[in-house]
Amino acid sequence: MLESMELGMDIRESLSILAPDRRRAVQAHLMGFDVREIMEIRGWSYNRARNLIARGMADLRRELEKRGFHG
């Protein structure tokens, strides 16, 4: 349970360092929204939403790896 809490905290901290649009896209993605839904909610093109998710998730993975989480 403690490990889950630590991971949650590290995810929140890692999200906070992302560029604002990447952070918004990744947060929506992690909540289960798909690219089309994020595109419609944010008023972005499909390609913009898809790229923000992909790049934001890559940034998030790198940041979590720096913090010792590998998956």
PDB file of N, CA and C in Angstrom:
ATOM      1  N   MET A   1       0.825  -1.191   0.000  1.00  0.00           N
ATOM      2  CA  MET A   1       0.000   0.000   0.000  1.00  0.00           C
ATOM      3  C   MET A   1       0.874   1.262   0.000  1.00  0.00           C
ATOM      4  N   LEU A   2       1.928   1.221   0.797  1.00  0.00           N
ATOM      5  CA  LEU A   2       2.835   2.367   0.851  1.00  0.00           C
ATOM      6  C   LEU A   2       3.466   2.616  -0.513  1.00  0.00           C
ATOM      7  N   GLU A   3       3.813   1.533  -1.203  1.00  0.00           N
ATOM      8  CA  GLU A   3       4.418   1.667  -2.525  1.00  0.00           C
ATOM      9  C   GLU A   3       3.435   2.321  -3.501  1.00  0.00           C
ATOM     10  N   SER A   4       2.160   1.976  -3.411  1.00  0.00           N
ATOM     11  CA  SER A   4       1.127   2.591  -4.267  1.00  0.00           C
ATOM     12  C   SER A   4       1.000   4.078  -3.976  1.00  0.00           C
ATOM     13  N   MET A   5       1.045   4.427  -2.713  1.00  0.00           N
ATOM     14  CA  MET A   5       0.945   5.834  -2.334  1.00  0.00           C
ATOM     15  C   MET A   5       2.149   6.613  -2.861  1.00  0.00           C
ATOM     16  N   GLU A   6       3.324   6.018  -2.756  1.00  0.00           N
ATOM     17  CA  GLU A   6       4.533   6.671  -3.256  1.00  0.00           C
ATOM     18  C   GLU A   6       4.467   6.854  -4.771  1.00  0.00           C
ATOM     19  N   LEU A   7       3.993   5.836  -5.472  1.00  0.00           N
ATOM     20  CA  LEU A   7       3.864   5.927  -6.920  1.00  0.00           C
ATOM     21  C   LEU A   7       2.882   7.030  -7.298  1.00  0.00           C
ATOM     22  N   GLY A   8       1.761   7.088  -6.596  1.00  0.00           N
ATOM     23  CA  GLY A   8       0.782   8.142  -6.858  1.00  0.00           C
ATOM     24  C   GLY A   8       1.372   9.526  -6.668  1.00  0.00           C
ATOM     25  N   MET A   9       2.140   9.695  -5.604  1.00  0.00           N
ATOM     26  CA  MET A   9       2.772  10.980  -5.338  1.00  0.00           C
ATOM     27  C   MET A   9       3.798  11.309  -6.418  1.00  0.00           C
ATOM     28  N   ASP A  10       4.581  10.315  -6.811  1.00  0.00           N
ATOM     29  CA  ASP A  10       5.584  10.536  -7.855  1.00  0.00           C
ATOM     30  C   ASP A  10       4.932  10.852  -9.196  1.00  0.00           C
ATOM     31  N   ILE A  11       3.808  10.216  -9.490  1.00  0.00           N
ATOM     32  CA  ILE A  11       3.093  10.522 -10.731  1.00  0.00           C
ATOM     33  C   ILE A  11       2.605  11.962 -10.708  1.00  0.00           C
ATOM     34  N   ARG A  12       1.994  12.376  -9.610  1.00  0.00           N
ATOM     35  CA  ARG A  12       1.509  13.767  -9.500  1.00  0.00           C
ATOM     36  C   ARG A  12       2.653  14.759  -9.648  1.00  0.00           C
ATOM     37  N   GLU A  13       3.767  14.502  -8.981  1.00  0.00           N
ATOM     38  CA  GLU A  13       4.918  15.402  -9.076  1.00  0.00           C
ATOM     39  C   GLU A  13       5.496  15.414 -10.492  1.00  0.00           C
ATOM     40  N   SER A  14       5.551  14.250 -11.103  1.00  0.00           N
ATOM     41  CA  SER A  14       6.074  14.160 -12.474  1.00  0.00           C
ATOM     42  C   SER A  14       5.156  14.869 -13.452  1.00  0.00           C
ATOM     43  N   LEU A  15       3.857  14.746 -13.269  1.00  0.00           N
ATOM     44  CA  LEU A  15       2.908  15.451 -14.129  1.00  0.00           C
ATOM     45  C   LEU A  15       3.080  16.958 -14.015  1.00  0.00           C
ATOM     46  N   SER A  16       3.395  17.415 -12.830  1.00  0.00           N
ATOM     47  CA  SER A  16       3.476  18.864 -12.603  1.00  0.00           C
ATOM     48  C   SER A  16       4.613  19.518 -13.382  1.00  0.00           C
ATOM     49  N   ILE A  17       5.610  18.732 -13.795  1.00  0.00           N
ATOM     50  CA  ILE A  17       6.724  19.331 -14.538  1.00  0.00           C
ATOM     51  C   ILE A  17       6.493  19.340 -16.045  1.00  0.00           C
ATOM     52  N   LEU A  18       5.446  18.660 -16.508  1.00  0.00           N
ATOM     53  CA  LEU A  18       5.150  18.640 -17.941  1.00  0.00           C
ATOM     54  C   LEU A  18       4.649  20.003 -18.403  1.00  0.00           C
ATOM     55  N   ALA A  19       4.871  20.279 -19.666  1.00  0.00           N
ATOM     56  CA  ALA A  19       4.306  21.499 -20.264  1.00  0.00           C
ATOM     57  C   ALA A  19       2.786  21.429 -20.107  1.00  0.00           C
ATOM     58  N   PRO A  20       2.123  22.576 -19.911  1.00  0.00           N
ATOM     59  CA  PRO A  20       0.686  22.566 -19.591  1.00  0.00           C
ATOM     60  C   PRO A  20      -0.197  21.745 -20.538  1.00  0.00           C
ATOM     61  N   ASP A  21      -0.054  21.895 -21.847  1.00  0.00           N
ATOM     62  CA  ASP A  21      -0.907  21.128 -22.758  1.00  0.00           C
ATOM     63  C   ASP A  21      -0.584  19.638 -22.704  1.00  0.00           C
ATOM     64  N   ARG A  22       0.668  19.284 -22.564  1.00  0.00           N
ATOM     65  CA  ARG A  22       1.025  17.867 -22.420  1.00  0.00           C
ATOM     66  C   ARG A  22       0.427  17.313 -21.133  1.00  0.00           C
ATOM     67  N   ARG A  23       0.514  18.088 -20.061  1.00  0.00           N
ATOM     68  CA  ARG A  23      -0.036  17.648 -18.776  1.00  0.00           C
ATOM     69  C   ARG A  23      -1.541  17.408 -18.901  1.00  0.00           C
ATOM     70  N   ARG A  24      -2.257  18.344 -19.522  1.00  0.00           N
ATOM     71  CA  ARG A  24      -3.708  18.188 -19.683  1.00  0.00           C
ATOM     72  C   ARG A  24      -4.047  16.947 -20.508  1.00  0.00           C
ATOM     73  N   ALA A  25      -3.306  16.742 -21.587  1.00  0.00           N
ATOM     74  CA  ALA A  25      -3.549  15.584 -22.449  1.00  0.00           C
ATOM     75  C   ALA A  25      -3.272  14.281 -21.706  1.00  0.00           C
ATOM     76  N   VAL A  26      -2.174  14.216 -20.982  1.00  0.00           N
ATOM     77  CA  VAL A  26      -1.815  13.002 -20.253  1.00  0.00           C
ATOM     78  C   VAL A  26      -2.799  12.741 -19.127  1.00  0.00           C
ATOM     79  N   GLN A  27      -3.190  13.759 -18.396  1.00  0.00           N
ATOM     80  CA  GLN A  27      -4.157  13.564 -17.316  1.00  0.00           C
ATOM     81  C   GLN A  27      -5.461  12.995 -17.864  1.00  0.00           C
ATOM     82  N   ALA A  28      -5.940  13.545 -18.964  1.00  0.00           N
ATOM     83  CA  ALA A  28      -7.176  13.040 -19.573  1.00  0.00           C
ATOM     84  C   ALA A  28      -6.985  11.600 -20.036  1.00  0.00           C
ATOM     85  N   HIS A  29      -5.844  11.319 -20.637  1.00  0.00           N
ATOM     86  CA  HIS A  29      -5.542   9.960 -21.096  1.00  0.00           C
ATOM     87  C   HIS A  29      -5.529   8.987 -19.920  1.00  0.00           C
ATOM     88  N   LEU A  30      -4.890   9.370 -18.824  1.00  0.00           N
ATOM     89  CA  LEU A  30      -4.824   8.508 -17.647  1.00  0.00           C
ATOM     90  C   LEU A  30      -6.195   8.307 -17.004  1.00  0.00           C
ATOM     91  N   MET A  31      -7.112   9.244 -17.228  1.00  0.00           N
ATOM     92  CA  MET A  31      -8.477   9.101 -16.709  1.00  0.00           C
ATOM     93  C   MET A  31      -9.343   8.235 -17.622  1.00  0.00           C
ATOM     94  N   GLY A  32      -8.774   7.829 -18.768  1.00  0.00           N
ATOM     95  CA  GLY A  32      -9.499   6.914 -19.633  1.00  0.00           C
ATOM     96  C   GLY A  32     -10.094   7.519 -20.889  1.00  0.00           C
ATOM     97  N   PHE A  33      -9.881   8.809 -21.118  1.00  0.00           N
ATOM     98  CA  PHE A  33     -10.391   9.435 -22.332  1.00  0.00           C
ATOM     99  C   PHE A  33      -9.529   9.006 -23.514  1.00  0.00           C
ATOM    100  N   ASP A  34     -10.175   8.797 -24.675  1.00  0.00           N
ATOM    101  CA  ASP A  34      -9.389   8.463 -25.864  1.00  0.00           C
ATOM    102  C   ASP A  34      -9.033   9.742 -26.621  1.00  0.00           C
ATOM    103  N   VAL A  35      -8.245   9.576 -27.667  1.00  0.00           N
ATOM    104  CA  VAL A  35      -7.729  10.734 -28.415  1.00  0.00           C
ATOM    105  C   VAL A  35      -8.869  11.607 -28.929  1.00  0.00           C
ATOM    106  N   ARG A  36      -9.889  10.989 -29.503  1.00  0.00           N
ATOM    107  CA  ARG A  36     -11.006  11.778 -30.056  1.00  0.00           C
ATOM    108  C   ARG A  36     -11.740  12.566 -28.976  1.00  0.00           C
ATOM    109  N   GLU A  37     -11.927  11.960 -27.834  1.00  0.00           N
ATOM    110  CA  GLU A  37     -12.598  12.662 -26.736  1.00  0.00           C
ATOM    111  C   GLU A  37     -11.760  13.844 -26.256  1.00  0.00           C
ATOM    112  N   ILE A  38     -10.463  13.641 -26.105  1.00  0.00           N
ATOM    113  CA  ILE A  38      -9.573  14.714 -25.667  1.00  0.00           C
ATOM    114  C   ILE A  38      -9.561  15.829 -26.704  1.00  0.00           C
ATOM    115  N   MET A  39      -9.516  15.452 -27.965  1.00  0.00           N
ATOM    116  CA  MET A  39      -9.536  16.410 -29.062  1.00  0.00           C
ATOM    117  C   MET A  39     -10.787  17.294 -28.978  1.00  0.00           C
ATOM    118  N   GLU A  40     -11.934  16.670 -28.767  1.00  0.00           N
ATOM    119  CA  GLU A  40     -13.193  17.410 -28.707  1.00  0.00           C
ATOM    120  C   GLU A  40     -13.283  18.288 -27.467  1.00  0.00           C
ATOM    121  N   ILE A  41     -12.857  17.749 -26.330  1.00  0.00           N
ATOM    122  CA  ILE A  41     -12.921  18.509 -25.073  1.00  0.00           C
ATOM    123  C   ILE A  41     -12.036  19.746 -25.133  1.00  0.00           C
ATOM    124  N   ARG A  42     -10.832  19.579 -25.687  1.00  0.00           N
ATOM    125  CA  ARG A  42      -9.847  20.663 -25.694  1.00  0.00           C
ATOM    126  C   ARG A  42      -9.901  21.545 -26.932  1.00  0.00           C
ATOM    127  N   GLY A  43     -10.619  21.109 -27.961  1.00  0.00           N
ATOM    128  CA  GLY A  43     -10.661  21.892 -29.188  1.00  0.00           C
ATOM    129  C   GLY A  43      -9.391  21.785 -30.008  1.00  0.00           C
ATOM    130  N   TRP A  44      -8.676  20.672 -29.838  1.00  0.00           N
ATOM    131  CA  TRP A  44      -7.445  20.437 -30.568  1.00  0.00           C
ATOM    132  C   TRP A  44      -7.734  19.586 -31.791  1.00  0.00           C
ATOM    133  N   SER A  45      -6.836  19.619 -32.764  1.00  0.00           N
ATOM    134  CA  SER A  45      -6.943  18.698 -33.893  1.00  0.00           C
ATOM    135  C   SER A  45      -6.602  17.298 -33.387  1.00  0.00           C
ATOM    136  N   TYR A  46      -6.992  16.300 -34.176  1.00  0.00           N
ATOM    137  CA  TYR A  46      -6.688  14.915 -33.805  1.00  0.00           C
ATOM    138  C   TYR A  46      -5.176  14.715 -33.660  1.00  0.00           C
ATOM    139  N   ASN A  47      -4.414  15.214 -34.634  1.00  0.00           N
ATOM    140  CA  ASN A  47      -2.951  15.034 -34.586  1.00  0.00           C
ATOM    141  C   ASN A  47      -2.332  15.719 -33.385  1.00  0.00           C
ATOM    142  N   ARG A  48      -2.815  16.909 -33.052  1.00  0.00           N
ATOM    143  CA  ARG A  48      -2.278  17.616 -31.886  1.00  0.00           C
ATOM    144  C   ARG A  48      -2.551  16.823 -30.605  1.00  0.00           C
ATOM    145  N   ALA A  49      -3.782  16.361 -30.437  1.00  0.00           N
ATOM    146  CA  ALA A  49      -4.130  15.588 -29.242  1.00  0.00           C
ATOM    147  C   ALA A  49      -3.291  14.312 -29.159  1.00  0.00           C
ATOM    148  N   ARG A  50      -3.180  13.600 -30.269  1.00  0.00           N
ATOM    149  CA  ARG A  50      -2.413  12.349 -30.305  1.00  0.00           C
ATOM    150  C   ARG A  50      -0.945  12.599 -29.966  1.00  0.00           C
ATOM    151  N   ASN A  51      -0.365  13.651 -30.555  1.00  0.00           N
ATOM    152  CA  ASN A  51       1.041  13.960 -30.298  1.00  0.00           C
ATOM    153  C   ASN A  51       1.276  14.406 -28.861  1.00  0.00           C
ATOM    154  N   LEU A  52       0.375  15.210 -28.320  1.00  0.00           N
ATOM    155  CA  LEU A  52       0.533  15.648 -26.929  1.00  0.00           C
ATOM    156  C   LEU A  52       0.473  14.466 -25.967  1.00  0.00           C
ATOM    157  N   ILE A  53      -0.417  13.524 -26.239  1.00  0.00           N
ATOM    158  CA  ILE A  53      -0.501  12.327 -25.395  1.00  0.00           C
ATOM    159  C   ILE A  53       0.788  11.521 -25.510  1.00  0.00           C
ATOM    160  N   ALA A  54       1.207  11.239 -26.736  1.00  0.00           N
ATOM    161  CA  ALA A  54       2.393  10.404 -26.942  1.00  0.00           C
ATOM    162  C   ALA A  54       3.635  11.040 -26.328  1.00  0.00           C
ATOM    163  N   ARG A  55       3.844  12.301 -26.598  1.00  0.00           N
ATOM    164  CA  ARG A  55       5.041  12.971 -26.068  1.00  0.00           C
ATOM    165  C   ARG A  55       4.956  13.164 -24.561  1.00  0.00           C
ATOM    166  N   GLY A  56       3.766  13.483 -24.074  1.00  0.00           N
ATOM    167  CA  GLY A  56       3.578  13.643 -22.635  1.00  0.00           C
ATOM    168  C   GLY A  56       3.781  12.346 -21.879  1.00  0.00           C
ATOM    169  N   MET A  57       3.291  11.233 -22.427  1.00  0.00           N
ATOM    170  CA  MET A  57       3.491   9.932 -21.783  1.00  0.00           C
ATOM    171  C   MET A  57       4.967   9.552 -21.793  1.00  0.00           C
ATOM    172  N   ALA A  58       5.668   9.861 -22.882  1.00  0.00           N
ATOM    173  CA  ALA A  58       7.111   9.590 -22.929  1.00  0.00           C
ATOM    174  C   ALA A  58       7.839  10.419 -21.868  1.00  0.00           C
ATOM    175  N   ASP A  59       7.462  11.682 -21.737  1.00  0.00           N
ATOM    176  CA  ASP A  59       8.062  12.540 -20.698  1.00  0.00           C
ATOM    177  C   ASP A  59       7.773  11.980 -19.308  1.00  0.00           C
ATOM    178  N   LEU A  60       6.535  11.552 -19.088  1.00  0.00           N
ATOM    179  CA  LEU A  60       6.142  11.011 -17.791  1.00  0.00           C
ATOM    180  C   LEU A  60       6.936   9.747 -17.472  1.00  0.00           C
ATOM    181  N   ARG A  61       7.072   8.845 -18.446  1.00  0.00           N
ATOM    182  CA  ARG A  61       7.855   7.624 -18.226  1.00  0.00           C
ATOM    183  C   ARG A  61       9.302   7.950 -17.871  1.00  0.00           C
ATOM    184  N   ARG A  62       9.900   8.885 -18.615  1.00  0.00           N
ATOM    185  CA  ARG A  62      11.298   9.262 -18.334  1.00  0.00           C
ATOM    186  C   ARG A  62      11.432   9.818 -16.920  1.00  0.00           C
ATOM    187  N   GLU A  63      10.511  10.672 -16.538  1.00  0.00           N
ATOM    188  CA  GLU A  63      10.578  11.272 -15.205  1.00  0.00           C
ATOM    189  C   GLU A  63      10.404  10.211 -14.124  1.00  0.00           C
ATOM    190  N   LEU A  64       9.489   9.277 -14.327  1.00  0.00           N
ATOM    191  CA  LEU A  64       9.293   8.216 -13.328  1.00  0.00           C
ATOM    192  C   LEU A  64      10.508   7.287 -13.257  1.00  0.00           C
ATOM    193  N   GLU A  65      11.145   7.039 -14.393  1.00  0.00           N
ATOM    194  CA  GLU A  65      12.368   6.241 -14.385  1.00  0.00           C
ATOM    195  C   GLU A  65      13.471   6.929 -13.590  1.00  0.00           C
ATOM    196  N   LYS A  66      13.561   8.242 -13.718  1.00  0.00           N
ATOM    197  CA  LYS A  66      14.548   8.998 -12.917  1.00  0.00           C
ATOM    198  C   LYS A  66      14.292   8.809 -11.427  1.00  0.00           C
ATOM    199  N   ARG A  67      13.032   8.629 -11.074  1.00  0.00           N
ATOM    200  CA  ARG A  67      12.644   8.477  -9.678  1.00  0.00           C
ATOM    201  C   ARG A  67      12.708   7.022  -9.216  1.00  0.00           C
ATOM    202  N   GLY A  68      13.172   6.134 -10.094  1.00  0.00           N
ATOM    203  CA  GLY A  68      13.366   4.750  -9.696  1.00  0.00           C
ATOM    204  C   GLY A  68      12.249   3.791 -10.059  1.00  0.00           C
ATOM    205  N   PHE A  69      11.244   4.256 -10.770  1.00  0.00           N
ATOM    206  CA  PHE A  69      10.156   3.365 -11.171  1.00  0.00           C
ATOM    207  C   PHE A  69      10.400   2.889 -12.585  1.00  0.00           C
ATOM    208  N   HIS A  70      10.394   1.582 -12.765  1.00  0.00           N
ATOM    209  CA  HIS A  70      10.621   1.005 -14.089  1.00  0.00           C
ATOM    210  C   HIS A  70       9.474   0.067 -14.384  1.00  0.00           C
ATOM    211  N   GLY A  71       8.936   0.166 -15.559  1.00  0.00           N
ATOM    212  CA  GLY A  71       7.800  -0.699 -15.847  1.00  0.00           C
ATOM    213  C   GLY A  71       7.650  -0.884 -17.260  1.00  0.00           C
TER     214      GLY A  71
END
